[in-house]
Amino acid sequence: MDFGVTGKLGGYYLAEQYRKNAAGKSGGVSFAELAAAKATEQSDVSGMSFKDMWQARFPGAYYHTMDAYKIPQGAWQRYDFPHEKFFSDKVDESILNWKPSGAEPKLTDASVQSRIDSTLGKKAIVVPPALEEKMKNDPALAQQVMAKVESFIMKDQATLPPGRIYSCVVVLDENGEIAHAAGSSGGGNISGPTEEEQRQFEAEQAAKKKRREEYARLNEESALKRRLMEQEADERYYQTSMTKKAVSIAAYEAAGILK
């Protein structure tokens, strides 16, 4: 006898379980389970918005709509940038124009550690209005972006020592790419880190920073490439138009129309 969840009822069940955070899983349902529901009953899952998928996968996670991808990478990476503001129900858009007021503090500074501690266990995502509109009209795009974000978070969290409490904020650009991200962790180590653990932590932070910089560089190169391609297309169109115009004028002159 087959006790598998199949057919229309199965699709509805899995989609509902995704929405309700599947009893017994503290971290929410993985996107793979959403894909299973999608394969079983397309209509039940495609009706979920990106916000629904995000908050079902990460219960209690914050969702914001603004163009935070425009925040300069140099500002975003500073230890005094107010990342903690994204871990609240509302974020003032003045954060988009944040400027440092002095020298960058060290990671070990009490003010930095206090702000990190206030975000432990929380997650947030920031979606540009243009991307949100695209995903409303294209459920497949929303699912692709969700899978990408989940994979990024899982890989980032997997680098932590066991027992650490993880938090992160992810910022998307208008194409659904990850423009900025900031992850932190704490707790789970009452006696404090050993020198070796501290060195490992610092090395991991340096590696993460390098990956973020490389990701930002690739995004910038991709955007530049798109602009150049658009410019070349415009130039080709202009040249083609001018050629056609010249041919037309020559034809009219040959026919004696423009004499």
C-alpha atoms as a PDB file:
ATOM      1  CA  MET A   1       0.000   0.000   0.000  1.00  0.00           C
ATOM      2  CA  ASP A   2       1.292   3.444  -0.931  1.00  0.00           C
ATOM      3  CA  PHE A   3       1.185   5.940   1.919  1.00  0.00           C
ATOM      4  CA  GLY A   4       2.925   8.670  -0.122  1.00  0.00           C
ATOM      5  CA  VAL A   5       1.337  12.110  -0.427  1.00  0.00           C
ATOM      6  CA  THR A   6       0.308  12.405  -4.058  1.00  0.00           C
ATOM      7  CA  GLY A   7      -2.310  13.936  -6.325  1.00  0.00           C
ATOM      8  CA  LYS A   8      -4.186  17.206  -5.845  1.00  0.00           C
ATOM      9  CA  LEU A   9      -4.715  16.598  -2.132  1.00  0.00           C
ATOM     10  CA  GLY A  10      -1.007  15.906  -1.734  1.00  0.00           C
ATOM     11  CA  GLY A  11      -0.073  19.128  -3.493  1.00  0.00           C
ATOM     12  CA  TYR A  12      -2.436  21.091  -1.279  1.00  0.00           C
ATOM     13  CA  TYR A  13      -1.079  19.378   1.829  1.00  0.00           C
ATOM     14  CA  LEU A  14       2.563  20.092   1.032  1.00  0.00           C
ATOM     15  CA  ALA A  15       1.876  23.692   0.070  1.00  0.00           C
ATOM     16  CA  GLU A  16      -0.063  24.237   3.283  1.00  0.00           C
ATOM     17  CA  GLN A  17       2.682  22.605   5.304  1.00  0.00           C
ATOM     18  CA  TYR A  18       5.173  24.959   3.699  1.00  0.00           C
ATOM     19  CA  ARG A  19       3.006  27.916   4.630  1.00  0.00           C
ATOM     20  CA  LYS A  20       2.496  26.676   8.188  1.00  0.00           C
ATOM     21  CA  ASN A  21       6.164  25.817   8.763  1.00  0.00           C
ATOM     22  CA  ALA A  22       5.705  22.027   8.929  1.00  0.00           C
ATOM     23  CA  ALA A  23       5.245  20.912  12.517  1.00  0.00           C
ATOM     24  CA  GLY A  24       8.380  19.610  14.150  1.00  0.00           C
ATOM     25  CA  LYS A  25      10.931  21.640  12.134  1.00  0.00           C
ATOM     26  CA  SER A  26      12.241  24.631  14.028  1.00  0.00           C
ATOM     27  CA  GLY A  27      14.025  26.088  11.025  1.00  0.00           C
ATOM     28  CA  GLY A  28      11.089  25.981   8.635  1.00  0.00           C
ATOM     29  CA  VAL A  29      10.572  23.839   5.573  1.00  0.00           C
ATOM     30  CA  SER A  30      13.385  23.638   3.050  1.00  0.00           C
ATOM     31  CA  PHE A  31      12.815  24.937  -0.432  1.00  0.00           C
ATOM     32  CA  ALA A  32      13.274  21.385  -1.737  1.00  0.00           C
ATOM     33  CA  GLU A  33       9.978  20.498  -0.058  1.00  0.00           C
ATOM     34  CA  LEU A  34       8.325  23.439  -1.739  1.00  0.00           C
ATOM     35  CA  ALA A  35       9.667  22.116  -5.041  1.00  0.00           C
ATOM     36  CA  ALA A  36       8.117  18.728  -4.243  1.00  0.00           C
ATOM     37  CA  ALA A  37       4.783  20.416  -3.664  1.00  0.00           C
ATOM     38  CA  LYS A  38       5.214  22.361  -6.877  1.00  0.00           C
ATOM     39  CA  ALA A  39       5.874  19.179  -8.829  1.00  0.00           C
ATOM     40  CA  THR A  40       2.770  17.553  -7.334  1.00  0.00           C
ATOM     41  CA  GLU A  41       0.342  20.415  -7.736  1.00  0.00           C
ATOM     42  CA  GLN A  42       1.561  23.489  -9.587  1.00  0.00           C
ATOM     43  CA  SER A  43      -1.385  25.760  -8.823  1.00  0.00           C
ATOM     44  CA  ASP A  44      -1.225  25.333  -5.046  1.00  0.00           C
ATOM     45  CA  VAL A  45       2.376  26.526  -4.768  1.00  0.00           C
ATOM     46  CA  SER A  46       2.534  29.106  -7.526  1.00  0.00           C
ATOM     47  CA  GLY A  47       0.041  31.202  -5.575  1.00  0.00           C
ATOM     48  CA  MET A  48       2.581  31.841  -2.815  1.00  0.00           C
ATOM     49  CA  SER A  49       4.288  35.215  -2.908  1.00  0.00           C
ATOM     50  CA  PHE A  50       8.021  35.558  -2.358  1.00  0.00           C
ATOM     51  CA  LYS A  51       7.313  37.079   1.050  1.00  0.00           C
ATOM     52  CA  ASP A  52       5.179  34.042   1.969  1.00  0.00           C
ATOM     53  CA  MET A  53       7.949  31.658   0.911  1.00  0.00           C
ATOM     54  CA  TRP A  54      10.594  33.632   2.823  1.00  0.00           C
ATOM     55  CA  GLN A  55       8.646  33.806   6.066  1.00  0.00           C
ATOM     56  CA  ALA A  56       7.503  30.192   5.814  1.00  0.00           C
ATOM     57  CA  ARG A  57      11.074  29.002   5.327  1.00  0.00           C
ATOM     58  CA  PHE A  58      12.412  31.274   8.078  1.00  0.00           C
ATOM     59  CA  PRO A  59       9.638  31.839  10.646  1.00  0.00           C
ATOM     60  CA  GLY A  60       9.731  35.267  12.231  1.00  0.00           C
ATOM     61  CA  ALA A  61      12.113  36.600   9.581  1.00  0.00           C
ATOM     62  CA  TYR A  62      11.762  40.235   8.538  1.00  0.00           C
ATOM     63  CA  TYR A  63      10.846  41.357   5.026  1.00  0.00           C
ATOM     64  CA  HIS A  64      11.455  44.862   3.700  1.00  0.00           C
ATOM     65  CA  THR A  65      10.908  46.545   0.354  1.00  0.00           C
ATOM     66  CA  MET A  66      13.418  49.232  -0.609  1.00  0.00           C
ATOM     67  CA  ASP A  67      16.391  49.799  -2.912  1.00  0.00           C
ATOM     68  CA  ALA A  68      19.023  48.867  -0.324  1.00  0.00           C
ATOM     69  CA  TYR A  69      21.227  47.387  -3.050  1.00  0.00           C
ATOM     70  CA  LYS A  70      22.213  50.979  -3.837  1.00  0.00           C
ATOM     71  CA  ILE A  71      24.035  51.270  -0.507  1.00  0.00           C
ATOM     72  CA  PRO A  72      27.762  51.492  -1.353  1.00  0.00           C
ATOM     73  CA  GLN A  73      29.645  48.286  -0.607  1.00  0.00           C
ATOM     74  CA  GLY A  74      32.266  50.218   1.327  1.00  0.00           C
ATOM     75  CA  ALA A  75      29.630  51.539   3.720  1.00  0.00           C
ATOM     76  CA  TRP A  76      27.829  48.196   4.003  1.00  0.00           C
ATOM     77  CA  GLN A  77      30.976  46.338   5.069  1.00  0.00           C
ATOM     78  CA  ARG A  78      31.848  48.672   7.933  1.00  0.00           C
ATOM     79  CA  TYR A  79      31.404  47.359  11.465  1.00  0.00           C
ATOM     80  CA  ASP A  80      29.538  50.535  12.427  1.00  0.00           C
ATOM     81  CA  PHE A  81      26.977  50.256   9.624  1.00  0.00           C
ATOM     82  CA  PRO A  82      23.550  49.863  11.329  1.00  0.00           C
ATOM     83  CA  HIS A  83      22.661  46.416   9.958  1.00  0.00           C
ATOM     84  CA  GLU A  84      20.569  45.824  13.083  1.00  0.00           C
ATOM     85  CA  LYS A  85      17.935  48.281  11.830  1.00  0.00           C
ATOM     86  CA  PHE A  86      16.809  45.701   9.264  1.00  0.00           C
ATOM     87  CA  PHE A  87      15.833  43.340  12.091  1.00  0.00           C
ATOM     88  CA  SER A  88      12.664  45.263  12.887  1.00  0.00           C
ATOM     89  CA  ASP A  89       9.202  45.641  11.397  1.00  0.00           C
ATOM     90  CA  LYS A  90       9.957  49.009   9.820  1.00  0.00           C
ATOM     91  CA  VAL A  91      13.140  50.544   8.449  1.00  0.00           C
ATOM     92  CA  ASP A  92      13.543  54.247   7.781  1.00  0.00           C
ATOM     93  CA  GLU A  93      14.785  54.842   4.240  1.00  0.00           C
ATOM     94  CA  SER A  94      17.371  57.275   5.592  1.00  0.00           C
ATOM     95  CA  ILE A  95      19.532  54.175   6.042  1.00  0.00           C
ATOM     96  CA  LEU A  96      20.077  54.238   2.269  1.00  0.00           C
ATOM     97  CA  ASN A  97      22.107  57.428   2.709  1.00  0.00           C
ATOM     98  CA  TRP A  98      24.025  56.391   5.830  1.00  0.00           C
ATOM     99  CA  LYS A  99      27.474  57.939   6.210  1.00  0.00           C
ATOM    100  CA  PRO A 100      30.132  57.053   8.807  1.00  0.00           C
ATOM    101  CA  SER A 101      30.753  59.659  11.472  1.00  0.00           C
ATOM    102  CA  GLY A 102      34.316  58.649  12.281  1.00  0.00           C
ATOM    103  CA  ALA A 103      36.925  55.931  12.087  1.00  0.00           C
ATOM    104  CA  GLU A 104      35.654  52.378  11.719  1.00  0.00           C
ATOM    105  CA  PRO A 105      35.550  50.533  15.063  1.00  0.00           C
ATOM    106  CA  LYS A 106      37.046  47.082  15.514  1.00  0.00           C
ATOM    107  CA  LEU A 107      34.918  43.952  15.538  1.00  0.00           C
ATOM    108  CA  THR A 108      35.844  43.411  19.184  1.00  0.00           C
ATOM    109  CA  ASP A 109      34.593  46.845  20.287  1.00  0.00           C
ATOM    110  CA  ALA A 110      31.814  46.676  22.873  1.00  0.00           C
ATOM    111  CA  SER A 111      29.481  48.814  20.748  1.00  0.00           C
ATOM    112  CA  VAL A 112      29.854  46.469  17.764  1.00  0.00           C
ATOM    113  CA  GLN A 113      29.406  43.334  19.862  1.00  0.00           C
ATOM    114  CA  SER A 114      26.319  44.790  21.542  1.00  0.00           C
ATOM    115  CA  ARG A 115      24.686  45.479  18.188  1.00  0.00           C
ATOM    116  CA  ILE A 116      25.558  41.988  16.946  1.00  0.00           C
ATOM    117  CA  ASP A 117      24.098  40.414  20.089  1.00  0.00           C
ATOM    118  CA  SER A 118      20.823  42.278  19.512  1.00  0.00           C
ATOM    119  CA  THR A 119      20.366  40.485  16.171  1.00  0.00           C
ATOM    120  CA  LEU A 120      21.213  36.913  17.200  1.00  0.00           C
ATOM    121  CA  GLY A 121      18.862  34.311  15.777  1.00  0.00           C
ATOM    122  CA  LYS A 122      17.151  36.803  13.473  1.00  0.00           C
ATOM    123  CA  LYS A 123      16.976  36.966   9.691  1.00  0.00           C
ATOM    124  CA  ALA A 124      15.937  39.713   7.304  1.00  0.00           C
ATOM    125  CA  ILE A 125      15.719  40.237   3.574  1.00  0.00           C
ATOM    126  CA  VAL A 126      15.437  43.464   1.589  1.00  0.00           C
ATOM    127  CA  VAL A 127      13.767  43.344  -1.829  1.00  0.00           C
ATOM    128  CA  PRO A 128      13.686  46.211  -4.360  1.00  0.00           C
ATOM    129  CA  PRO A 129      10.133  47.249  -5.354  1.00  0.00           C
ATOM    130  CA  ALA A 130      10.954  46.523  -9.014  1.00  0.00           C
ATOM    131  CA  LEU A 131      12.019  42.949  -8.217  1.00  0.00           C
ATOM    132  CA  GLU A 132       8.988  42.396  -6.000  1.00  0.00           C
ATOM    133  CA  GLU A 133       6.750  43.393  -8.905  1.00  0.00           C
ATOM    134  CA  LYS A 134       8.617  41.058 -11.276  1.00  0.00           C
ATOM    135  CA  MET A 135       8.201  38.133  -8.880  1.00  0.00           C
ATOM    136  CA  LYS A 136       4.483  38.827  -8.451  1.00  0.00           C
ATOM    137  CA  ASN A 137       4.080  38.423 -12.201  1.00  0.00           C
ATOM    138  CA  ASP A 138       6.554  35.546 -12.507  1.00  0.00           C
ATOM    139  CA  PRO A 139       6.166  32.847  -9.803  1.00  0.00           C
ATOM    140  CA  ALA A 140       9.001  30.821 -11.349  1.00  0.00           C
ATOM    141  CA  LEU A 141      11.362  33.755 -10.823  1.00  0.00           C
ATOM    142  CA  ALA A 142      10.242  34.049  -7.193  1.00  0.00           C
ATOM    143  CA  GLN A 143      11.009  30.364  -6.645  1.00  0.00           C
ATOM    144  CA  GLN A 144      14.434  30.684  -8.278  1.00  0.00           C
ATOM    145  CA  VAL A 145      15.339  33.675  -6.121  1.00  0.00           C
ATOM    146  CA  MET A 146      14.118  31.910  -2.975  1.00  0.00           C
ATOM    147  CA  ALA A 147      16.222  28.838  -3.765  1.00  0.00           C
ATOM    148  CA  LYS A 148      19.273  31.047  -4.328  1.00  0.00           C
ATOM    149  CA  VAL A 149      18.784  32.919  -1.049  1.00  0.00           C
ATOM    150  CA  GLU A 150      18.211  29.738   0.949  1.00  0.00           C
ATOM    151  CA  SER A 151      21.324  28.120  -0.520  1.00  0.00           C
ATOM    152  CA  PHE A 152      23.399  31.188   0.343  1.00  0.00           C
ATOM    153  CA  ILE A 153      22.179  31.241   3.949  1.00  0.00           C
ATOM    154  CA  MET A 154      22.653  27.506   4.463  1.00  0.00           C
ATOM    155  CA  LYS A 155      26.219  27.614   3.116  1.00  0.00           C
ATOM    156  CA  ASP A 156      27.065  30.651   5.237  1.00  0.00           C
ATOM    157  CA  GLN A 157      25.623  29.072   8.372  1.00  0.00           C
ATOM    158  CA  ALA A 158      27.442  25.791   7.709  1.00  0.00           C
ATOM    159  CA  THR A 159      30.800  27.529   8.266  1.00  0.00           C
ATOM    160  CA  LEU A 160      30.002  28.169  11.949  1.00  0.00           C
ATOM    161  CA  PRO A 161      31.084  25.986  14.875  1.00  0.00           C
ATOM    162  CA  PRO A 162      28.303  23.795  16.331  1.00  0.00           C
ATOM    163  CA  GLY A 163      25.949  25.546  18.720  1.00  0.00           C
ATOM    164  CA  ARG A 164      26.485  29.060  17.435  1.00  0.00           C
ATOM    165  CA  ILE A 165      23.362  31.214  17.024  1.00  0.00           C
ATOM    166  CA  TYR A 166      23.241  32.594  13.494  1.00  0.00           C
ATOM    167  CA  SER A 167      21.714  35.776  12.104  1.00  0.00           C
ATOM    168  CA  CYS A 168      21.847  37.398   8.691  1.00  0.00           C
ATOM    169  CA  VAL A 169      20.411  40.085   6.470  1.00  0.00           C
ATOM    170  CA  VAL A 170      20.329  39.631   2.689  1.00  0.00           C
ATOM    171  CA  VAL A 171      19.850  42.449   0.190  1.00  0.00           C
ATOM    172  CA  LEU A 172      18.716  41.674  -3.365  1.00  0.00           C
ATOM    173  CA  ASP A 173      19.149  43.780  -6.474  1.00  0.00           C
ATOM    174  CA  GLU A 174      16.537  44.330  -9.196  1.00  0.00           C
ATOM    175  CA  ASN A 175      17.632  41.156 -11.017  1.00  0.00           C
ATOM    176  CA  GLY A 176      17.243  38.902  -7.976  1.00  0.00           C
ATOM    177  CA  GLU A 177      20.975  38.667  -7.321  1.00  0.00           C
ATOM    178  CA  ILE A 178      22.436  39.026  -3.830  1.00  0.00           C
ATOM    179  CA  ALA A 179      23.928  42.516  -3.753  1.00  0.00           C
ATOM    180  CA  HIS A 180      24.787  42.676  -0.041  1.00  0.00           C
ATOM    181  CA  ALA A 181      24.756  40.243   2.864  1.00  0.00           C
ATOM    182  CA  ALA A 182      25.836  40.388   6.474  1.00  0.00           C
ATOM    183  CA  GLY A 183      25.955  37.348   8.722  1.00  0.00           C
ATOM    184  CA  SER A 184      26.936  37.105  12.373  1.00  0.00           C
ATOM    185  CA  SER A 185      26.846  34.583  15.176  1.00  0.00           C
ATOM    186  CA  GLY A 186      27.184  34.325  18.918  1.00  0.00           C
ATOM    187  CA  GLY A 187      26.429  32.190  21.938  1.00  0.00           C
ATOM    188  CA  GLY A 188      27.044  28.479  22.234  1.00  0.00           C
ATOM    189  CA  ASN A 189      30.469  28.925  23.798  1.00  0.00           C
ATOM    190  CA  ILE A 190      30.304  29.791  27.491  1.00  0.00           C
ATOM    191  CA  SER A 191      34.037  29.528  28.160  1.00  0.00           C
ATOM    192  CA  GLY A 192      34.937  31.802  25.270  1.00  0.00           C
ATOM    193  CA  PRO A 193      37.016  30.989  22.196  1.00  0.00           C
ATOM    194  CA  THR A 194      40.513  29.582  22.355  1.00  0.00           C
ATOM    195  CA  GLU A 195      43.297  31.361  20.497  1.00  0.00           C
ATOM    196  CA  GLU A 196      43.003  28.832  17.695  1.00  0.00           C
ATOM    197  CA  GLU A 197      39.230  29.338  17.487  1.00  0.00           C
ATOM    198  CA  GLN A 198      39.714  33.105  17.480  1.00  0.00           C
ATOM    199  CA  ARG A 199      42.224  32.839  14.626  1.00  0.00           C
ATOM    200  CA  GLN A 200      39.835  30.568  12.753  1.00  0.00           C
ATOM    201  CA  PHE A 201      36.988  33.019  13.290  1.00  0.00           C
ATOM    202  CA  GLU A 202      39.046  35.948  12.039  1.00  0.00           C
ATOM    203  CA  ALA A 203      40.159  33.923   9.021  1.00  0.00           C
ATOM    204  CA  GLU A 204      36.534  33.025   8.257  1.00  0.00           C
ATOM    205  CA  GLN A 205      35.488  36.665   8.543  1.00  0.00           C
ATOM    206  CA  ALA A 206      38.296  37.702   6.205  1.00  0.00           C
ATOM    207  CA  ALA A 207      37.304  34.978   3.729  1.00  0.00           C
ATOM    208  CA  LYS A 208      33.651  36.056   3.868  1.00  0.00           C
ATOM    209  CA  LYS A 209      34.626  39.662   3.276  1.00  0.00           C
ATOM    210  CA  LYS A 210      36.727  38.617   0.294  1.00  0.00           C
ATOM    211  CA  ARG A 211      33.829  36.577  -1.123  1.00  0.00           C
ATOM    212  CA  ARG A 212      31.443  39.507  -0.684  1.00  0.00           C
ATOM    213  CA  GLU A 213      33.868  41.848  -2.439  1.00  0.00           C
ATOM    214  CA  GLU A 214      34.315  39.367  -5.287  1.00  0.00           C
ATOM    215  CA  TYR A 215      30.550  38.918  -5.565  1.00  0.00           C
ATOM    216  CA  ALA A 216      30.074  42.684  -5.692  1.00  0.00           C
ATOM    217  CA  ARG A 217      32.807  42.991  -8.338  1.00  0.00           C
ATOM    218  CA  LEU A 218      31.193  40.323 -10.518  1.00  0.00           C
ATOM    219  CA  ASN A 219      27.802  42.006 -10.185  1.00  0.00           C
ATOM    220  CA  GLU A 220      29.348  45.321 -11.195  1.00  0.00           C
ATOM    221  CA  GLU A 221      31.064  43.731 -14.203  1.00  0.00           C
ATOM    222  CA  SER A 222      27.813  42.061 -15.214  1.00  0.00           C
ATOM    223  CA  ALA A 223      25.933  45.363 -15.009  1.00  0.00           C
ATOM    224  CA  LEU A 224      28.655  47.105 -17.044  1.00  0.00           C
ATOM    225  CA  LYS A 225      28.522  44.355 -19.657  1.00  0.00           C
ATOM    226  CA  ARG A 226      24.753  44.766 -19.959  1.00  0.00           C
ATOM    227  CA  ARG A 227      25.123  48.530 -20.387  1.00  0.00           C
ATOM    228  CA  LEU A 228      27.777  48.073 -23.090  1.00  0.00           C
ATOM    229  CA  MET A 229      25.610  45.561 -24.935  1.00  0.00           C
ATOM    230  CA  GLU A 230      22.665  47.954 -24.805  1.00  0.00           C
ATOM    231  CA  GLN A 231      24.887  50.780 -26.060  1.00  0.00           C
ATOM    232  CA  GLU A 232      26.180  48.630 -28.931  1.00  0.00           C
ATOM    233  CA  ALA A 233      22.624  47.661 -29.842  1.00  0.00           C
ATOM    234  CA  ASP A 234      21.617  51.341 -29.913  1.00  0.00           C
ATOM    235  CA  GLU A 235      24.604  52.193 -32.103  1.00  0.00           C
ATOM    236  CA  ARG A 236      23.815  49.353 -34.524  1.00  0.00           C
ATOM    237  CA  TYR A 237      20.208  50.508 -34.711  1.00  0.00           C
ATOM    238  CA  TYR A 238      21.326  54.074 -35.402  1.00  0.00           C
ATOM    239  CA  GLN A 239      23.782  52.983 -38.101  1.00  0.00           C
ATOM    240  CA  THR A 240      21.179  50.748 -39.731  1.00  0.00           C
ATOM    241  CA  SER A 241      18.643  53.570 -39.704  1.00  0.00           C
ATOM    242  CA  MET A 242      21.127  56.006 -41.244  1.00  0.00           C
ATOM    243  CA  THR A 243      22.071  53.481 -43.934  1.00  0.00           C
ATOM    244  CA  LYS A 244      18.429  52.893 -44.821  1.00  0.00           C
ATOM    245  CA  LYS A 245      17.848  56.638 -44.924  1.00  0.00           C
ATOM    246  CA  ALA A 246      20.837  57.160 -47.220  1.00  0.00           C
ATOM    247  CA  VAL A 247      19.646  54.380 -49.536  1.00  0.00           C
ATOM    248  CA  SER A 248      16.166  55.887 -49.645  1.00  0.00           C
ATOM    249  CA  ILE A 249      17.530  59.341 -50.479  1.00  0.00           C
ATOM    250  CA  ALA A 250      19.710  57.884 -53.215  1.00  0.00           C
ATOM    251  CA  ALA A 251      16.726  56.032 -54.640  1.00  0.00           C
ATOM    252  CA  TYR A 252      14.602  59.170 -54.631  1.00  0.00           C
ATOM    253  CA  GLU A 253      17.372  61.153 -56.322  1.00  0.00           C
ATOM    254  CA  ALA A 254      17.785  58.443 -58.938  1.00  0.00           C
ATOM    255  CA  ALA A 255      14.075  58.624 -59.613  1.00  0.00           C
ATOM    256  CA  GLY A 256      14.266  62.399 -59.908  1.00  0.00           C
ATOM    257  CA  ILE A 257      11.976  62.969 -56.935  1.00  0.00           C
ATOM    258  CA  LEU A 258      14.429  65.087 -54.940  1.00  0.00           C
ATOM    259  CA  LYS A 259      15.913  67.046 -57.845  1.00  0.00           C
END
